[in-house]
Amino acid sequence: MERDVLRRKFSAEFKAEAVRLAEKSGVAMNTVATELGIHDSVLRRWIRESHSGVAKKPVSQQDMDLAKEVARLRRENAQLKMERDIVKKALGYFAKDPQ
């Protein structure tokens, strides 16, 4: 009988934070892994990779530029959403019949 196992993928940020928690929190590695919803062997492998430098990739200037652009666009998007919500509220206020 074969089991269909879906392999989950985790971001580099999640892995780095998990390694940081396991090393700095003073809590047992098994506990950290359980709280994060991963198996302790996965966390051990991430720790081993972080110490050996396998998971680290050199960041190019283009990647840094793209990350800055994404951050700028997210700030702009949040600002536009806030402005849209203000206009919606004002429209609702002025649309009421003052009787």
N, C-alpha and C. Protein backbone atom coordinates (compact mmCIF):
# COMPACT_ATOMS: atom_id res chain seq x y z
N MET A 1 0.84 -1.18 0.00
CA MET A 1 0.00 0.00 0.00
C MET A 1 0.89 1.24 0.00
N GLU A 2 0.70 2.10 -0.97
CA GLU A 2 1.52 3.29 -1.11
C GLU A 2 0.81 4.49 -0.53
N ARG A 3 1.59 5.33 0.15
CA ARG A 3 1.03 6.57 0.70
C ARG A 3 1.41 7.72 -0.20
N ASP A 4 0.45 8.59 -0.43
CA ASP A 4 0.74 9.82 -1.17
C ASP A 4 1.13 10.88 -0.16
N VAL A 5 2.38 11.28 -0.22
CA VAL A 5 2.89 12.26 0.72
C VAL A 5 3.16 13.56 -0.04
N LEU A 6 2.53 14.62 0.43
CA LEU A 6 2.79 15.93 -0.17
C LEU A 6 3.98 16.55 0.52
N ARG A 7 4.94 16.96 -0.23
CA ARG A 7 6.13 17.59 0.33
C ARG A 7 5.88 19.07 0.47
N ARG A 8 6.01 19.55 1.72
CA ARG A 8 5.82 20.98 1.97
C ARG A 8 7.10 21.72 1.67
N LYS A 9 6.95 22.95 1.22
CA LYS A 9 8.12 23.78 0.95
C LYS A 9 8.08 24.97 1.90
N PHE A 10 9.23 25.29 2.45
CA PHE A 10 9.33 26.38 3.41
C PHE A 10 10.25 27.45 2.84
N SER A 11 9.92 28.69 3.13
CA SER A 11 10.75 29.80 2.65
C SER A 11 12.07 29.84 3.41
N ALA A 12 13.02 30.52 2.84
CA ALA A 12 14.33 30.67 3.49
C ALA A 12 14.20 31.44 4.80
N GLU A 13 13.27 32.40 4.84
CA GLU A 13 13.05 33.17 6.06
C GLU A 13 12.53 32.28 7.18
N PHE A 14 11.58 31.39 6.84
CA PHE A 14 11.03 30.47 7.83
C PHE A 14 12.12 29.56 8.38
N LYS A 15 12.94 29.03 7.49
CA LYS A 15 14.02 28.14 7.92
C LYS A 15 15.00 28.87 8.82
N ALA A 16 15.37 30.09 8.43
CA ALA A 16 16.33 30.86 9.24
C ALA A 16 15.76 31.17 10.61
N GLU A 17 14.48 31.51 10.67
CA GLU A 17 13.85 31.80 11.96
C GLU A 17 13.74 30.54 12.81
N ALA A 18 13.45 29.40 12.20
CA ALA A 18 13.38 28.15 12.93
C ALA A 18 14.74 27.80 13.53
N VAL A 19 15.80 27.98 12.76
CA VAL A 19 17.16 27.71 13.24
C VAL A 19 17.50 28.66 14.39
N ARG A 20 17.14 29.93 14.22
CA ARG A 20 17.42 30.91 15.28
C ARG A 20 16.68 30.54 16.57
N LEU A 21 15.42 30.15 16.44
CA LEU A 21 14.64 29.75 17.63
C LEU A 21 15.27 28.52 18.30
N ALA A 22 15.68 27.57 17.51
CA ALA A 22 16.24 26.34 18.07
C ALA A 22 17.55 26.60 18.79
N GLU A 23 18.34 27.53 18.27
CA GLU A 23 19.66 27.79 18.85
C GLU A 23 19.61 28.79 20.01
N LYS A 24 18.73 29.76 19.96
CA LYS A 24 18.78 30.85 20.92
C LYS A 24 17.70 30.80 22.00
N SER A 25 16.64 30.05 21.81
CA SER A 25 15.51 30.12 22.72
C SER A 25 15.73 29.40 24.04
N GLY A 26 16.64 28.45 24.10
CA GLY A 26 16.85 27.68 25.32
C GLY A 26 15.82 26.57 25.51
N VAL A 27 14.99 26.36 24.49
CA VAL A 27 13.98 25.31 24.53
C VAL A 27 14.52 24.13 23.74
N ALA A 28 14.09 22.94 24.11
CA ALA A 28 14.55 21.73 23.43
C ALA A 28 14.19 21.78 21.94
N MET A 29 15.07 21.23 21.12
CA MET A 29 14.88 21.25 19.68
C MET A 29 13.58 20.54 19.29
N ASN A 30 13.26 19.45 19.96
CA ASN A 30 12.03 18.72 19.66
C ASN A 30 10.81 19.60 19.91
N THR A 31 10.85 20.40 20.97
CA THR A 31 9.74 21.28 21.31
C THR A 31 9.57 22.36 20.26
N VAL A 32 10.68 22.95 19.84
CA VAL A 32 10.62 23.99 18.81
C VAL A 32 10.04 23.41 17.53
N ALA A 33 10.52 22.23 17.14
CA ALA A 33 10.04 21.60 15.91
C ALA A 33 8.54 21.31 15.99
N THR A 34 8.09 20.80 17.12
CA THR A 34 6.67 20.50 17.29
C THR A 34 5.83 21.77 17.21
N GLU A 35 6.30 22.84 17.86
CA GLU A 35 5.56 24.10 17.83
C GLU A 35 5.47 24.67 16.41
N LEU A 36 6.50 24.44 15.61
CA LEU A 36 6.50 24.93 14.24
C LEU A 36 5.77 24.01 13.27
N GLY A 37 5.42 22.82 13.74
CA GLY A 37 4.70 21.88 12.90
C GLY A 37 5.58 21.12 11.92
N ILE A 38 6.84 20.94 12.31
CA ILE A 38 7.78 20.19 11.46
C ILE A 38 8.39 19.07 12.27
N HIS A 39 8.99 18.12 11.60
CA HIS A 39 9.65 17.01 12.27
C HIS A 39 11.02 17.47 12.77
N ASP A 40 11.45 16.93 13.90
CA ASP A 40 12.72 17.37 14.47
C ASP A 40 13.91 17.06 13.57
N SER A 41 13.81 16.01 12.76
CA SER A 41 14.92 15.71 11.85
C SER A 41 15.05 16.79 10.77
N VAL A 42 13.93 17.38 10.38
CA VAL A 42 13.96 18.46 9.39
C VAL A 42 14.68 19.67 10.00
N LEU A 43 14.35 19.99 11.24
CA LEU A 43 14.99 21.11 11.92
C LEU A 43 16.49 20.85 12.09
N ARG A 44 16.86 19.65 12.44
CA ARG A 44 18.28 19.32 12.57
C ARG A 44 19.02 19.50 11.24
N ARG A 45 18.39 19.09 10.15
CA ARG A 45 19.01 19.25 8.83
C ARG A 45 19.18 20.73 8.49
N TRP A 46 18.16 21.55 8.80
CA TRP A 46 18.27 22.98 8.54
C TRP A 46 19.40 23.61 9.34
N ILE A 47 19.56 23.17 10.58
CA ILE A 47 20.64 23.68 11.43
C ILE A 47 21.98 23.29 10.83
N ARG A 48 22.10 22.03 10.43
CA ARG A 48 23.35 21.54 9.84
C ARG A 48 23.66 22.31 8.56
N GLU A 49 22.65 22.55 7.72
CA GLU A 49 22.86 23.29 6.48
C GLU A 49 23.24 24.75 6.75
N SER A 50 22.66 25.32 7.78
CA SER A 50 22.98 26.72 8.07
C SER A 50 24.42 26.87 8.55
N HIS A 51 24.93 25.86 9.26
CA HIS A 51 26.31 25.93 9.73
C HIS A 51 27.31 25.62 8.62
N SER A 52 26.89 24.79 7.67
CA SER A 52 27.82 24.45 6.59
C SER A 52 27.76 25.46 5.45
N GLY A 53 26.73 26.30 5.44
CA GLY A 53 26.61 27.31 4.40
C GLY A 53 25.94 26.81 3.14
N VAL A 54 25.36 25.61 3.17
CA VAL A 54 24.72 25.05 1.99
C VAL A 54 23.51 25.88 1.59
N ALA A 55 22.73 26.33 2.56
CA ALA A 55 21.49 27.04 2.26
C ALA A 55 21.72 28.49 1.84
N LYS A 56 22.91 29.00 2.06
CA LYS A 56 23.18 30.40 1.73
C LYS A 56 23.53 30.54 0.25
N LYS A 57 22.86 31.48 -0.37
CA LYS A 57 23.15 31.78 -1.77
C LYS A 57 23.63 33.22 -1.84
N PRO A 58 24.57 33.50 -2.69
CA PRO A 58 24.99 34.90 -2.83
C PRO A 58 23.85 35.72 -3.42
N VAL A 59 23.66 36.89 -2.86
CA VAL A 59 22.59 37.76 -3.31
C VAL A 59 23.16 38.74 -4.33
N SER A 60 22.56 38.75 -5.50
CA SER A 60 23.05 39.64 -6.54
C SER A 60 22.44 41.04 -6.37
N GLN A 61 23.02 41.99 -7.04
CA GLN A 61 22.52 43.37 -6.98
C GLN A 61 21.12 43.43 -7.56
N GLN A 62 20.86 42.66 -8.60
CA GLN A 62 19.54 42.65 -9.21
C GLN A 62 18.49 42.13 -8.22
N ASP A 63 18.83 41.09 -7.46
CA ASP A 63 17.90 40.58 -6.45
C ASP A 63 17.62 41.62 -5.38
N MET A 64 18.65 42.34 -4.97
CA MET A 64 18.46 43.39 -3.96
C MET A 64 17.58 44.51 -4.51
N ASP A 65 17.80 44.88 -5.76
CA ASP A 65 16.98 45.92 -6.39
C ASP A 65 15.52 45.49 -6.48
N LEU A 66 15.31 44.22 -6.84
CA LEU A 66 13.94 43.71 -6.92
C LEU A 66 13.27 43.70 -5.55
N ALA A 67 14.01 43.33 -4.52
CA ALA A 67 13.45 43.31 -3.18
C ALA A 67 13.07 44.72 -2.73
N LYS A 68 13.91 45.71 -3.05
CA LYS A 68 13.59 47.10 -2.71
C LYS A 68 12.34 47.57 -3.46
N GLU A 69 12.25 47.19 -4.73
CA GLU A 69 11.09 47.58 -5.53
C GLU A 69 9.81 46.95 -4.98
N VAL A 70 9.88 45.69 -4.59
CA VAL A 70 8.72 45.02 -4.01
C VAL A 70 8.30 45.71 -2.71
N ALA A 71 9.26 46.06 -1.87
CA ALA A 71 8.94 46.74 -0.61
C ALA A 71 8.29 48.10 -0.89
N ARG A 72 8.82 48.83 -1.87
CA ARG A 72 8.24 50.13 -2.22
C ARG A 72 6.81 49.97 -2.73
N LEU A 73 6.60 48.98 -3.59
CA LEU A 73 5.26 48.76 -4.13
C LEU A 73 4.28 48.32 -3.05
N ARG A 74 4.74 47.55 -2.10
CA ARG A 74 3.85 47.15 -1.00
C ARG A 74 3.46 48.34 -0.15
N ARG A 75 4.41 49.24 0.13
CA ARG A 75 4.08 50.46 0.88
C ARG A 75 3.08 51.31 0.10
N GLU A 76 3.32 51.45 -1.20
CA GLU A 76 2.43 52.24 -2.04
C GLU A 76 1.03 51.61 -2.08
N ASN A 77 0.96 50.31 -2.17
CA ASN A 77 -0.31 49.59 -2.20
C ASN A 77 -1.08 49.82 -0.89
N ALA A 78 -0.39 49.75 0.23
CA ALA A 78 -1.04 49.98 1.52
C ALA A 78 -1.57 51.41 1.60
N GLN A 79 -0.80 52.37 1.12
CA GLN A 79 -1.23 53.78 1.11
C GLN A 79 -2.48 53.95 0.25
N LEU A 80 -2.48 53.35 -0.92
CA LEU A 80 -3.62 53.47 -1.82
C LEU A 80 -4.88 52.81 -1.24
N LYS A 81 -4.71 51.68 -0.57
CA LYS A 81 -5.86 51.03 0.08
C LYS A 81 -6.43 51.93 1.17
N MET A 82 -5.56 52.56 1.94
CA MET A 82 -6.02 53.45 3.00
C MET A 82 -6.79 54.63 2.39
N GLU A 83 -6.27 55.22 1.33
CA GLU A 83 -6.94 56.34 0.68
C GLU A 83 -8.28 55.91 0.11
N ARG A 84 -8.33 54.73 -0.48
CA ARG A 84 -9.59 54.20 -1.03
C ARG A 84 -10.63 54.04 0.07
N ASP A 85 -10.22 53.51 1.21
CA ASP A 85 -11.14 53.31 2.32
C ASP A 85 -11.67 54.63 2.86
N ILE A 86 -10.81 55.64 2.89
CA ILE A 86 -11.25 56.97 3.35
C ILE A 86 -12.30 57.53 2.40
N VAL A 87 -12.08 57.39 1.10
CA VAL A 87 -13.04 57.88 0.11
C VAL A 87 -14.37 57.12 0.23
N LYS A 88 -14.31 55.81 0.45
CA LYS A 88 -15.53 55.02 0.63
C LYS A 88 -16.33 55.51 1.82
N LYS A 89 -15.64 55.75 2.94
CA LYS A 89 -16.33 56.21 4.15
C LYS A 89 -16.93 57.59 3.93
N ALA A 90 -16.20 58.48 3.27
CA ALA A 90 -16.72 59.82 3.01
C ALA A 90 -17.92 59.75 2.08
N LEU A 91 -17.87 58.92 1.08
CA LEU A 91 -18.98 58.75 0.15
C LEU A 91 -20.22 58.24 0.89
N GLY A 92 -20.02 57.29 1.78
CA GLY A 92 -21.14 56.77 2.57
C GLY A 92 -21.72 57.84 3.48
N TYR A 93 -20.89 58.67 4.04
CA TYR A 93 -21.34 59.72 4.94
C TYR A 93 -22.15 60.78 4.19
N PHE A 94 -21.65 61.22 3.03
CA PHE A 94 -22.33 62.26 2.26
C PHE A 94 -23.53 61.72 1.50
N ALA A 95 -23.60 60.44 1.29
CA ALA A 95 -24.74 59.86 0.57
C ALA A 95 -25.98 59.76 1.44
N LYS A 96 -25.82 59.83 2.77
CA LYS A 96 -26.96 59.76 3.67
C LYS A 96 -27.84 60.99 3.48
N ASP A 97 -29.13 60.78 3.57
CA ASP A 97 -30.08 61.88 3.43
C ASP A 97 -30.21 62.59 4.78
N PRO A 98 -29.84 63.87 4.90
CA PRO A 98 -29.85 64.55 6.20
C PRO A 98 -31.24 65.02 6.65
N GLN A 99 -32.19 64.12 6.79
CA GLN A 99 -33.53 64.50 7.23
C GLN A 99 -33.85 63.98 8.58
